[in-house]
């Protein structure tokens, strides 16, 4: 009996899976590119006000969060290499470390936002309403763009949590780590976006 004719054939198209992920990332790049263009136009319109607003940013936390995200990209890349080398326990540890670093980023951002809100630096605050129009625009963009980035970090953590379960249960195979690789591509995009946000807001002064 021909077992191949009896057993169901599992369709596998890694090229299509990776292509689909890159197309999705392209839409994300276009989305954030539009926001960056909007920022560039408004900064050219209010250069002095943006410089003034940038002086109120916490550069230390901004740089610290950059280091956290860059480290998380390193741990995730190490996890992908580990699963390819059949070191499942190490791969799981690397994915969990990436998730932990993502949570650290969110906590740092929450601390920063809390301090800024306490000082009245948020849209609708009476203190900010008394500032020049460019300063108001700066913080409007700041909360919009970093907030959207934060949502992407949450989405990335959610996806990586699923990947951690799959790695632990052996669903990510050494010769077929496509799901983990695509998750890594999304996470790296999140990191790249933050690298652009850092100079736009924290180094604007």
N, C-alpha and C. Protein backbone atom coordinates (compact mmCIF):
# COMPACT_ATOMS: atom_id res chain seq x y z
N UNK A 1 0.85 -1.20 0.00
CA UNK A 1 0.00 0.00 0.00
C UNK A 1 0.89 1.26 0.00
N UNK A 2 0.52 2.20 -0.80
CA UNK A 2 1.26 3.45 -0.88
C UNK A 2 0.75 4.38 0.21
N UNK A 3 1.57 4.54 1.27
CA UNK A 3 1.14 5.37 2.41
C UNK A 3 0.98 6.82 2.01
N UNK A 4 1.77 7.31 1.04
CA UNK A 4 1.69 8.69 0.62
C UNK A 4 0.33 8.99 -0.01
N UNK A 5 -0.29 7.96 -0.59
CA UNK A 5 -1.60 8.16 -1.20
C UNK A 5 -2.71 8.16 -0.15
N UNK A 6 -2.43 7.52 1.01
CA UNK A 6 -3.44 7.43 2.06
C UNK A 6 -3.37 8.60 3.02
N UNK A 7 -2.15 8.92 3.46
CA UNK A 7 -1.98 9.99 4.43
C UNK A 7 -2.20 11.35 3.79
N UNK A 8 -2.83 12.28 4.52
CA UNK A 8 -3.05 13.62 3.97
C UNK A 8 -1.73 14.35 3.78
N UNK A 9 -1.63 15.05 2.69
CA UNK A 9 -0.39 15.79 2.39
C UNK A 9 -0.49 17.20 2.97
N UNK A 10 0.52 17.58 3.73
CA UNK A 10 0.56 18.91 4.35
C UNK A 10 1.15 19.90 3.35
N UNK A 11 0.34 20.90 3.00
CA UNK A 11 0.83 21.90 2.06
C UNK A 11 1.82 22.82 2.77
N UNK A 12 2.93 23.08 2.15
CA UNK A 12 3.97 23.93 2.75
C UNK A 12 4.52 24.85 1.69
N UNK A 13 4.42 26.14 1.96
CA UNK A 13 4.95 27.13 1.02
C UNK A 13 5.59 28.25 1.84
N UNK A 14 6.84 28.00 2.24
CA UNK A 14 7.54 28.97 3.08
C UNK A 14 7.79 30.28 2.33
N UNK A 15 8.00 30.17 1.01
CA UNK A 15 8.24 31.39 0.24
C UNK A 15 7.03 32.31 0.29
N UNK A 16 5.85 31.75 0.11
CA UNK A 16 4.63 32.56 0.16
C UNK A 16 4.41 33.15 1.55
N UNK A 17 4.72 32.35 2.58
CA UNK A 17 4.57 32.84 3.95
C UNK A 17 5.50 34.01 4.23
N UNK A 18 6.72 33.90 3.77
CA UNK A 18 7.68 34.99 4.00
C UNK A 18 7.34 36.21 3.15
N UNK A 19 6.89 35.96 1.90
CA UNK A 19 6.50 37.07 1.03
C UNK A 19 5.31 37.83 1.61
N UNK A 20 4.35 37.08 2.13
CA UNK A 20 3.19 37.72 2.75
C UNK A 20 3.59 38.59 3.93
N UNK A 21 4.56 38.11 4.71
CA UNK A 21 5.01 38.89 5.86
C UNK A 21 5.70 40.17 5.42
N UNK A 22 6.52 40.08 4.37
CA UNK A 22 7.20 41.27 3.87
C UNK A 22 6.22 42.29 3.31
N UNK A 23 5.16 41.80 2.66
CA UNK A 23 4.14 42.72 2.15
C UNK A 23 3.42 43.42 3.29
N UNK A 24 3.15 42.68 4.36
CA UNK A 24 2.54 43.29 5.54
C UNK A 24 3.46 44.34 6.15
N UNK A 25 4.74 44.01 6.25
CA UNK A 25 5.70 44.97 6.80
C UNK A 25 5.80 46.22 5.93
N UNK A 26 5.65 46.03 4.62
CA UNK A 26 5.68 47.18 3.71
C UNK A 26 4.54 48.14 4.02
N UNK A 27 3.35 47.61 4.31
CA UNK A 27 2.23 48.49 4.66
C UNK A 27 2.52 49.24 5.97
N UNK A 28 3.17 48.57 6.90
CA UNK A 28 3.54 49.22 8.16
C UNK A 28 4.56 50.33 7.92
N UNK A 29 5.52 50.06 7.05
CA UNK A 29 6.54 51.06 6.73
C UNK A 29 5.90 52.28 6.08
N UNK A 30 4.97 52.06 5.17
CA UNK A 30 4.28 53.17 4.51
C UNK A 30 3.47 53.97 5.52
N UNK A 31 2.85 53.28 6.46
CA UNK A 31 2.05 53.95 7.50
C UNK A 31 2.91 54.89 8.33
N UNK A 32 4.02 54.37 8.86
CA UNK A 32 4.88 55.20 9.69
C UNK A 32 5.61 56.25 8.86
N UNK A 33 5.89 55.95 7.59
CA UNK A 33 6.54 56.94 6.74
C UNK A 33 5.66 58.18 6.59
N UNK A 34 4.33 57.97 6.48
CA UNK A 34 3.41 59.09 6.40
C UNK A 34 3.48 59.95 7.65
N UNK A 35 3.59 59.31 8.80
CA UNK A 35 3.70 60.06 10.05
C UNK A 35 5.02 60.82 10.13
N UNK A 36 6.09 60.19 9.64
CA UNK A 36 7.39 60.86 9.65
C UNK A 36 7.39 62.08 8.72
N UNK A 37 6.72 61.97 7.58
CA UNK A 37 6.61 63.10 6.66
C UNK A 37 5.81 64.24 7.30
N UNK A 38 4.74 63.87 8.00
CA UNK A 38 3.94 64.87 8.70
C UNK A 38 4.78 65.59 9.75
N UNK A 39 5.58 64.82 10.49
CA UNK A 39 6.47 65.41 11.49
C UNK A 39 7.46 66.37 10.83
N UNK A 40 8.04 65.95 9.72
CA UNK A 40 9.04 66.78 9.04
C UNK A 40 8.46 68.11 8.59
N UNK A 41 7.24 68.06 8.04
CA UNK A 41 6.59 69.28 7.60
C UNK A 41 6.33 70.23 8.77
N UNK A 42 5.80 69.69 9.86
CA UNK A 42 5.46 70.53 11.01
C UNK A 42 6.71 71.03 11.73
N UNK A 43 7.76 70.24 11.73
CA UNK A 43 9.01 70.72 12.35
C UNK A 43 9.59 71.87 11.54
N UNK A 44 9.50 71.79 10.21
CA UNK A 44 9.97 72.88 9.37
C UNK A 44 9.13 74.14 9.58
N UNK A 45 7.89 73.95 9.93
CA UNK A 45 6.98 75.08 10.15
C UNK A 45 7.20 75.72 11.52
N UNK A 46 7.54 74.90 12.53
CA UNK A 46 7.73 75.41 13.90
C UNK A 46 9.10 74.98 14.44
N UNK A 47 10.20 75.38 13.82
CA UNK A 47 11.51 74.88 14.27
C UNK A 47 11.85 75.29 15.70
N UNK A 48 11.58 76.54 16.05
CA UNK A 48 11.94 77.01 17.39
C UNK A 48 11.07 76.34 18.45
N UNK A 49 9.78 76.18 18.16
CA UNK A 49 8.88 75.55 19.13
C UNK A 49 9.22 74.08 19.34
N UNK A 50 9.59 73.40 18.27
CA UNK A 50 9.98 72.00 18.41
C UNK A 50 11.26 71.88 19.23
N UNK A 51 12.17 72.82 19.01
CA UNK A 51 13.41 72.83 19.80
C UNK A 51 13.10 73.04 21.28
N UNK A 52 12.18 73.94 21.57
CA UNK A 52 11.79 74.20 22.95
C UNK A 52 11.12 72.97 23.57
N UNK A 53 10.21 72.35 22.84
CA UNK A 53 9.50 71.19 23.37
C UNK A 53 10.45 70.01 23.59
N UNK A 54 11.43 69.86 22.70
CA UNK A 54 12.36 68.76 22.84
C UNK A 54 13.18 68.84 24.12
N UNK A 55 13.36 70.03 24.64
CA UNK A 55 14.14 70.18 25.88
C UNK A 55 13.40 69.62 27.09
N UNK A 56 12.10 69.40 26.97
CA UNK A 56 11.32 68.84 28.08
C UNK A 56 11.30 67.31 28.07
N UNK A 57 11.89 66.69 27.07
CA UNK A 57 11.87 65.23 26.97
C UNK A 57 12.94 64.62 27.87
N UNK A 58 12.66 63.42 28.35
CA UNK A 58 13.59 62.68 29.20
C UNK A 58 14.52 61.86 28.30
N UNK A 59 15.68 62.44 27.98
CA UNK A 59 16.60 61.79 27.06
C UNK A 59 17.13 60.48 27.64
N UNK A 60 17.35 60.44 28.95
CA UNK A 60 17.90 59.24 29.58
C UNK A 60 16.97 58.05 29.38
N UNK A 61 15.67 58.26 29.62
CA UNK A 61 14.71 57.18 29.43
C UNK A 61 14.59 56.81 27.95
N UNK A 62 14.68 57.80 27.07
CA UNK A 62 14.60 57.51 25.65
C UNK A 62 15.75 56.64 25.18
N UNK A 63 16.96 56.98 25.61
CA UNK A 63 18.13 56.19 25.25
C UNK A 63 18.08 54.81 25.91
N UNK A 64 17.63 54.76 27.17
CA UNK A 64 17.52 53.48 27.87
C UNK A 64 16.56 52.54 27.14
N UNK A 65 15.44 53.10 26.70
CA UNK A 65 14.48 52.27 25.97
C UNK A 65 15.05 51.80 24.64
N UNK A 66 15.89 52.60 24.03
CA UNK A 66 16.54 52.19 22.78
C UNK A 66 17.45 51.00 23.03
N UNK A 67 18.21 51.05 24.10
CA UNK A 67 19.10 49.94 24.44
C UNK A 67 18.29 48.68 24.74
N UNK A 68 17.16 48.86 25.44
CA UNK A 68 16.30 47.71 25.77
C UNK A 68 15.79 47.04 24.50
N UNK A 69 15.29 47.84 23.55
CA UNK A 69 14.75 47.26 22.32
C UNK A 69 15.83 46.63 21.45
N UNK A 70 16.98 47.28 21.35
CA UNK A 70 18.07 46.70 20.57
C UNK A 70 18.53 45.36 21.16
N UNK A 71 18.57 45.31 22.49
CA UNK A 71 18.93 44.05 23.16
C UNK A 71 17.88 42.98 22.90
N UNK A 72 16.61 43.39 22.87
CA UNK A 72 15.54 42.42 22.62
C UNK A 72 15.64 41.85 21.21
N UNK A 73 16.03 42.66 20.25
CA UNK A 73 16.23 42.15 18.89
C UNK A 73 17.36 41.12 18.86
N UNK A 74 18.40 41.39 19.65
CA UNK A 74 19.52 40.45 19.73
C UNK A 74 19.10 39.12 20.33
N UNK A 75 18.32 39.16 21.43
CA UNK A 75 17.89 37.92 22.07
C UNK A 75 16.96 37.12 21.16
N UNK A 76 16.11 37.82 20.41
CA UNK A 76 15.19 37.10 19.51
C UNK A 76 15.96 36.46 18.36
N UNK A 77 16.94 37.19 17.81
CA UNK A 77 17.77 36.61 16.75
C UNK A 77 18.52 35.38 17.26
N UNK A 78 18.99 35.46 18.50
CA UNK A 78 19.69 34.32 19.10
C UNK A 78 18.73 33.14 19.28
N UNK A 79 17.48 33.44 19.59
CA UNK A 79 16.49 32.39 19.75
C UNK A 79 16.22 31.66 18.44
N UNK A 80 16.16 32.40 17.34
CA UNK A 80 15.94 31.78 16.04
C UNK A 80 17.11 30.88 15.66
N UNK A 81 18.32 31.36 15.92
CA UNK A 81 19.51 30.54 15.64
C UNK A 81 19.50 29.29 16.51
N UNK A 82 19.10 29.45 17.77
CA UNK A 82 19.08 28.31 18.70
C UNK A 82 18.10 27.23 18.25
N UNK A 83 16.92 27.64 17.78
CA UNK A 83 15.94 26.63 17.34
C UNK A 83 16.43 25.93 16.08
N UNK A 84 17.14 26.65 15.23
CA UNK A 84 17.69 26.02 14.02
C UNK A 84 18.78 25.01 14.36
N UNK A 85 19.44 25.23 15.50
CA UNK A 85 20.49 24.30 15.95
C UNK A 85 19.95 23.26 16.93
N UNK A 86 18.62 23.16 17.02
CA UNK A 86 17.93 22.16 17.84
C UNK A 86 18.19 22.35 19.34
N UNK A 87 18.42 23.56 19.74
CA UNK A 87 18.60 23.87 21.18
C UNK A 87 17.31 24.56 21.65
N UNK A 88 16.29 23.74 21.82
CA UNK A 88 14.94 24.24 22.10
C UNK A 88 14.87 25.01 23.41
N UNK A 89 15.52 24.51 24.45
CA UNK A 89 15.46 25.18 25.75
C UNK A 89 16.10 26.57 25.67
N UNK A 90 17.22 26.68 24.99
CA UNK A 90 17.86 27.98 24.83
C UNK A 90 16.97 28.91 24.00
N UNK A 91 16.36 28.37 22.96
CA UNK A 91 15.47 29.18 22.12
C UNK A 91 14.31 29.72 22.94
N UNK A 92 13.72 28.88 23.77
CA UNK A 92 12.62 29.32 24.62
C UNK A 92 13.07 30.41 25.57
N UNK A 93 14.25 30.25 26.15
CA UNK A 93 14.77 31.28 27.06
C UNK A 93 14.98 32.61 26.35
N UNK A 94 15.46 32.55 25.11
CA UNK A 94 15.69 33.79 24.35
C UNK A 94 14.38 34.48 24.00
N UNK A 95 13.36 33.71 23.62
CA UNK A 95 12.06 34.30 23.30
C UNK A 95 11.45 34.92 24.56
N UNK A 96 11.55 34.22 25.68
CA UNK A 96 11.03 34.77 26.94
C UNK A 96 11.78 36.02 27.36
N UNK A 97 13.09 36.04 27.12
CA UNK A 97 13.88 37.24 27.44
C UNK A 97 13.44 38.41 26.58
N UNK A 98 13.11 38.15 25.31
CA UNK A 98 12.63 39.20 24.42
C UNK A 98 11.31 39.77 24.92
N UNK A 99 10.42 38.87 25.35
CA UNK A 99 9.13 39.31 25.89
C UNK A 99 9.34 40.17 27.14
N UNK A 100 10.24 39.73 28.01
CA UNK A 100 10.52 40.48 29.24
C UNK A 100 11.06 41.87 28.92
N UNK A 101 11.96 41.96 27.96
CA UNK A 101 12.52 43.25 27.57
C UNK A 101 11.44 44.16 26.96
N UNK A 102 10.52 43.56 26.21
CA UNK A 102 9.41 44.34 25.68
C UNK A 102 8.55 44.91 26.80
N UNK A 103 8.32 44.12 27.84
CA UNK A 103 7.55 44.60 28.99
C UNK A 103 8.30 45.71 29.73
N UNK A 104 9.62 45.57 29.82
CA UNK A 104 10.43 46.63 30.44
C UNK A 104 10.28 47.92 29.67
N UNK A 105 10.29 47.83 28.35
CA UNK A 105 10.10 49.02 27.52
C UNK A 105 8.76 49.68 27.82
N UNK A 106 7.70 48.90 27.91
CA UNK A 106 6.38 49.45 28.17
C UNK A 106 6.29 50.10 29.55
N UNK A 107 6.93 49.47 30.53
CA UNK A 107 6.94 50.04 31.89
C UNK A 107 7.68 51.38 31.89
N UNK A 108 8.83 51.43 31.23
CA UNK A 108 9.59 52.68 31.14
C UNK A 108 8.78 53.77 30.46
N UNK A 109 8.08 53.38 29.38
CA UNK A 109 7.26 54.36 28.66
C UNK A 109 6.09 54.84 29.53
N UNK A 110 5.51 53.94 30.32
CA UNK A 110 4.42 54.31 31.21
C UNK A 110 4.91 55.29 32.28
N UNK A 111 6.11 55.04 32.81
CA UNK A 111 6.70 55.94 33.81
C UNK A 111 6.93 57.32 33.19
N UNK A 112 7.44 57.33 31.96
CA UNK A 112 7.71 58.59 31.28
C UNK A 112 6.43 59.36 31.00
N UNK A 113 5.43 58.68 30.47
CA UNK A 113 4.15 59.34 30.19
C UNK A 113 3.51 59.89 31.46
N UNK A 114 3.62 59.12 32.56
CA UNK A 114 3.05 59.57 33.83
C UNK A 114 3.69 60.87 34.28
N UNK A 115 5.01 60.96 34.16
CA UNK A 115 5.72 62.18 34.55
C UNK A 115 5.33 63.35 33.67
N UNK A 116 5.20 63.11 32.39
CA UNK A 116 4.84 64.19 31.46
C UNK A 116 3.41 64.67 31.69
N UNK A 117 2.52 63.74 31.96
CA UNK A 117 1.13 64.11 32.25
C UNK A 117 1.07 64.89 33.56
N UNK A 118 1.88 64.48 34.53
CA UNK A 118 1.92 65.19 35.82
C UNK A 118 2.35 66.65 35.63
N UNK A 119 3.21 66.89 34.66
CA UNK A 119 3.68 68.25 34.39
C UNK A 119 2.78 69.00 33.39
N UNK A 120 1.67 68.41 33.06
CA UNK A 120 0.72 69.07 32.16
C UNK A 120 1.13 69.09 30.71
N UNK A 121 1.99 68.16 30.32
CA UNK A 121 2.46 68.11 28.93
C UNK A 121 1.70 67.03 28.18
N UNK A 122 0.43 67.27 27.98
CA UNK A 122 -0.41 66.34 27.21
C UNK A 122 -1.53 67.13 26.55
N UNK A 123 -2.02 66.67 25.40
CA UNK A 123 -3.07 67.40 24.68
C UNK A 123 -4.30 67.64 25.56
N UNK A 124 -4.77 68.86 25.56
CA UNK A 124 -5.93 69.22 26.36
C UNK A 124 -5.61 69.79 27.72
N UNK A 125 -4.35 69.70 28.14
CA UNK A 125 -3.96 70.24 29.44
C UNK A 125 -3.89 71.76 29.37
N UNK A 126 -4.31 72.41 30.46
CA UNK A 126 -4.30 73.88 30.48
C UNK A 126 -2.88 74.42 30.36
N UNK A 127 -1.93 73.72 30.98
CA UNK A 127 -0.52 74.17 30.90
C UNK A 127 -0.03 74.14 29.46
N UNK A 128 -0.32 73.06 28.75
CA UNK A 128 0.13 72.95 27.36
C UNK A 128 -0.60 73.95 26.47
N UNK A 129 -1.85 74.25 26.79
CA UNK A 129 -2.62 75.20 25.98
C UNK A 129 -2.03 76.60 26.02
N UNK A 130 -1.26 76.90 27.07
CA UNK A 130 -0.63 78.22 27.18
C UNK A 130 0.71 78.28 26.46
N UNK A 131 1.16 77.16 25.94
CA UNK A 131 2.44 77.11 25.24
C UNK A 131 2.26 77.53 23.78
N UNK A 132 3.35 77.88 23.08
CA UNK A 132 3.26 78.23 21.66
C UNK A 132 2.64 77.10 20.84
N UNK A 133 2.02 77.41 19.71
CA UNK A 133 1.33 76.37 18.92
C UNK A 133 2.23 75.22 18.49
N UNK A 134 3.49 75.52 18.18
CA UNK A 134 4.39 74.45 17.77
C UNK A 134 4.67 73.46 18.88
N UNK A 135 4.71 73.93 20.13
CA UNK A 135 4.92 73.04 21.27
C UNK A 135 3.72 72.11 21.42
N UNK A 136 2.52 72.66 21.24
CA UNK A 136 1.31 71.84 21.31
C UNK A 136 1.31 70.78 20.21
N UNK A 137 1.72 71.18 19.02
CA UNK A 137 1.78 70.23 17.90
C UNK A 137 2.81 69.14 18.20
N UNK A 138 3.95 69.53 18.75
CA UNK A 138 5.01 68.57 19.08
C UNK A 138 4.49 67.47 19.98
N UNK A 139 3.83 67.86 21.07
CA UNK A 139 3.36 66.85 22.01
C UNK A 139 2.18 66.06 21.47
N UNK A 140 1.39 66.68 20.58
CA UNK A 140 0.35 65.91 19.92
C UNK A 140 0.93 64.79 19.06
N UNK A 141 1.98 65.13 18.31
CA UNK A 141 2.67 64.13 17.51
C UNK A 141 3.36 63.10 18.39
N UNK A 142 3.94 63.57 19.48
CA UNK A 142 4.67 62.68 20.38
C UNK A 142 3.75 61.58 20.92
N UNK A 143 2.61 61.97 21.46
CA UNK A 143 1.71 60.97 22.02
C UNK A 143 1.11 60.07 20.94
N UNK A 144 0.84 60.64 19.77
CA UNK A 144 0.28 59.84 18.68
C UNK A 144 1.28 58.79 18.19
N UNK A 145 2.50 59.23 17.91
CA UNK A 145 3.47 58.33 17.29
C UNK A 145 4.05 57.33 18.29
N UNK A 146 4.36 57.77 19.49
CA UNK A 146 4.87 56.82 20.49
C UNK A 146 3.75 55.91 20.98
N UNK A 147 2.51 56.43 21.00
CA UNK A 147 1.38 55.58 21.38
C UNK A 147 1.15 54.48 20.38
N UNK A 148 1.19 54.81 19.08
CA UNK A 148 1.04 53.79 18.04
C UNK A 148 2.19 52.79 18.09
N UNK A 149 3.38 53.30 18.36
CA UNK A 149 4.52 52.39 18.49
C UNK A 149 4.32 51.46 19.68
N UNK A 150 3.80 52.00 20.78
CA UNK A 150 3.54 51.17 21.95
C UNK A 150 2.53 50.07 21.66
N UNK A 151 1.51 50.38 20.86
CA UNK A 151 0.54 49.36 20.47
C UNK A 151 1.20 48.25 19.65
N UNK A 152 2.16 48.64 18.82
CA UNK A 152 2.89 47.63 18.05
C UNK A 152 3.76 46.77 18.96
N UNK A 153 4.33 47.38 20.00
CA UNK A 153 5.11 46.60 20.97
C UNK A 153 4.20 45.58 21.67
N UNK A 154 3.00 46.01 22.06
CA UNK A 154 2.05 45.10 22.70
C UNK A 154 1.66 43.96 21.75
N UNK A 155 1.44 44.30 20.48
CA UNK A 155 1.11 43.27 19.49
C UNK A 155 2.27 42.30 19.34
N UNK A 156 3.50 42.84 19.31
CA UNK A 156 4.67 41.98 19.18
C UNK A 156 4.83 41.05 20.36
N UNK A 157 4.60 41.56 21.56
CA UNK A 157 4.69 40.73 22.77
C UNK A 157 3.65 39.63 22.73
N UNK A 158 2.45 39.96 22.26
CA UNK A 158 1.38 38.96 22.18
C UNK A 158 1.76 37.84 21.22
N UNK A 159 2.29 38.22 20.06
CA UNK A 159 2.70 37.21 19.07
C UNK A 159 3.84 36.36 19.61
N UNK A 160 4.81 37.00 20.25
CA UNK A 160 5.95 36.26 20.79
C UNK A 160 5.54 35.34 21.94
N UNK A 161 4.50 35.71 22.66
CA UNK A 161 3.99 34.83 23.72
C UNK A 161 3.45 33.54 23.11
N UNK A 162 2.76 33.66 21.98
CA UNK A 162 2.29 32.46 21.27
C UNK A 162 3.48 31.65 20.78
N UNK A 163 4.50 32.34 20.26
CA UNK A 163 5.69 31.64 19.78
C UNK A 163 6.38 30.88 20.91
N UNK A 164 6.40 31.49 22.10
CA UNK A 164 7.04 30.82 23.25
C UNK A 164 6.31 29.52 23.58
N UNK A 165 4.98 29.54 23.52
CA UNK A 165 4.19 28.33 23.78
C UNK A 165 4.49 27.28 22.70
N UNK A 166 4.56 27.72 21.45
CA UNK A 166 4.83 26.79 20.36
C UNK A 166 6.22 26.19 20.47
N UNK A 167 7.21 27.02 20.85
CA UNK A 167 8.57 26.49 21.02
C UNK A 167 8.58 25.46 22.15
N UNK A 168 7.91 25.77 23.25
CA UNK A 168 7.88 24.86 24.39
C UNK A 168 7.22 23.53 24.04
N UNK A 169 6.20 23.58 23.17
CA UNK A 169 5.46 22.35 22.79
C UNK A 169 6.05 21.66 21.57
N UNK A 170 7.13 22.21 21.03
CA UNK A 170 7.78 21.58 19.89
C UNK A 170 7.10 21.83 18.56
N UNK A 171 6.24 22.84 18.48
CA UNK A 171 5.56 23.13 17.22
C UNK A 171 6.44 23.92 16.25
N UNK A 172 7.50 24.54 16.76
CA UNK A 172 8.47 25.22 15.89
C UNK A 172 9.60 24.24 15.63
N UNK A 173 9.68 23.75 14.41
CA UNK A 173 10.68 22.75 14.07
C UNK A 173 11.98 23.39 13.60
N UNK A 174 13.11 22.74 13.88
CA UNK A 174 14.41 23.32 13.48
C UNK A 174 14.53 23.60 11.99
N UNK A 175 13.93 22.75 11.16
CA UNK A 175 14.02 22.96 9.72
C UNK A 175 12.84 23.75 9.18
N UNK A 176 11.99 24.24 10.08
CA UNK A 176 10.83 25.01 9.65
C UNK A 176 10.45 26.07 10.69
N UNK A 177 11.34 27.04 10.91
CA UNK A 177 11.07 28.07 11.93
C UNK A 177 10.39 29.31 11.36
N UNK A 178 9.58 29.13 10.28
CA UNK A 178 9.03 30.28 9.57
C UNK A 178 8.21 31.18 10.49
N UNK A 179 7.37 30.60 11.33
CA UNK A 179 6.51 31.41 12.20
C UNK A 179 7.36 32.27 13.14
N UNK A 180 8.41 31.69 13.69
CA UNK A 180 9.28 32.44 14.59
C UNK A 180 10.07 33.49 13.82
N UNK A 181 10.50 33.16 12.62
CA UNK A 181 11.24 34.13 11.80
C UNK A 181 10.36 35.32 11.43
N UNK A 182 9.12 35.06 11.03
CA UNK A 182 8.21 36.16 10.69
C UNK A 182 7.90 37.02 11.90
N UNK A 183 7.75 36.40 13.06
CA UNK A 183 7.55 37.17 14.29
C UNK A 183 8.76 38.05 14.57
N UNK A 184 9.95 37.50 14.28
CA UNK A 184 11.16 38.27 14.47
C UNK A 184 11.23 39.46 13.53
N UNK A 185 10.77 39.29 12.29
CA UNK A 185 10.76 40.40 11.34
C UNK A 185 9.88 41.54 11.84
N UNK A 186 8.72 41.19 12.37
CA UNK A 186 7.83 42.22 12.90
C UNK A 186 8.48 42.93 14.09
N UNK A 187 9.11 42.16 14.96
CA UNK A 187 9.75 42.76 16.15
C UNK A 187 10.90 43.67 15.75
N UNK A 188 11.67 43.28 14.75
CA UNK A 188 12.76 44.12 14.28
C UNK A 188 12.23 45.43 13.69
N UNK A 189 11.09 45.36 13.01
CA UNK A 189 10.48 46.58 12.48
C UNK A 189 10.10 47.52 13.61
N UNK A 190 9.55 46.98 14.67
CA UNK A 190 9.20 47.79 15.84
C UNK A 190 10.44 48.50 16.38
N UNK A 191 11.54 47.80 16.42
CA UNK A 191 12.80 48.39 16.90
C UNK A 191 13.28 49.50 15.97
N UNK A 192 13.20 49.26 14.67
CA UNK A 192 13.66 50.25 13.70
C UNK A 192 12.84 51.53 13.80
N UNK A 193 11.53 51.38 13.96
CA UNK A 193 10.66 52.56 14.10
C UNK A 193 11.08 53.37 15.31
N UNK A 194 11.39 52.70 16.42
CA UNK A 194 11.81 53.43 17.62
C UNK A 194 13.12 54.17 17.41
N UNK A 195 14.02 53.57 16.65
CA UNK A 195 15.30 54.22 16.37
C UNK A 195 15.08 55.55 15.64
N UNK A 196 14.03 55.62 14.81
CA UNK A 196 13.69 56.88 14.16
C UNK A 196 12.99 57.84 15.12
N UNK A 197 12.18 57.30 16.01
CA UNK A 197 11.46 58.16 16.96
C UNK A 197 12.42 58.82 17.95
N UNK A 198 13.48 58.15 18.30
CA UNK A 198 14.43 58.68 19.29
C UNK A 198 14.96 60.06 18.90
N UNK A 199 15.57 60.22 17.72
CA UNK A 199 16.08 61.57 17.38
C UNK A 199 14.96 62.59 17.10
N UNK A 200 13.82 62.11 16.59
CA UNK A 200 12.74 63.04 16.26
C UNK A 200 12.20 63.77 17.49
N UNK A 201 12.11 63.05 18.60
CA UNK A 201 11.53 63.64 19.81
C UNK A 201 12.55 63.88 20.91
N UNK A 202 13.34 62.89 21.25
CA UNK A 202 14.22 63.01 22.41
C UNK A 202 15.47 63.84 22.11
N UNK A 203 15.87 63.90 20.85
CA UNK A 203 17.05 64.68 20.49
C UNK A 203 16.68 65.92 19.68
N UNK A 204 15.41 66.35 19.84
CA UNK A 204 14.93 67.48 19.06
C UNK A 204 15.46 68.82 19.57
N UNK A 205 15.89 68.85 20.81
CA UNK A 205 16.34 70.14 21.39
C UNK A 205 17.68 70.56 20.78
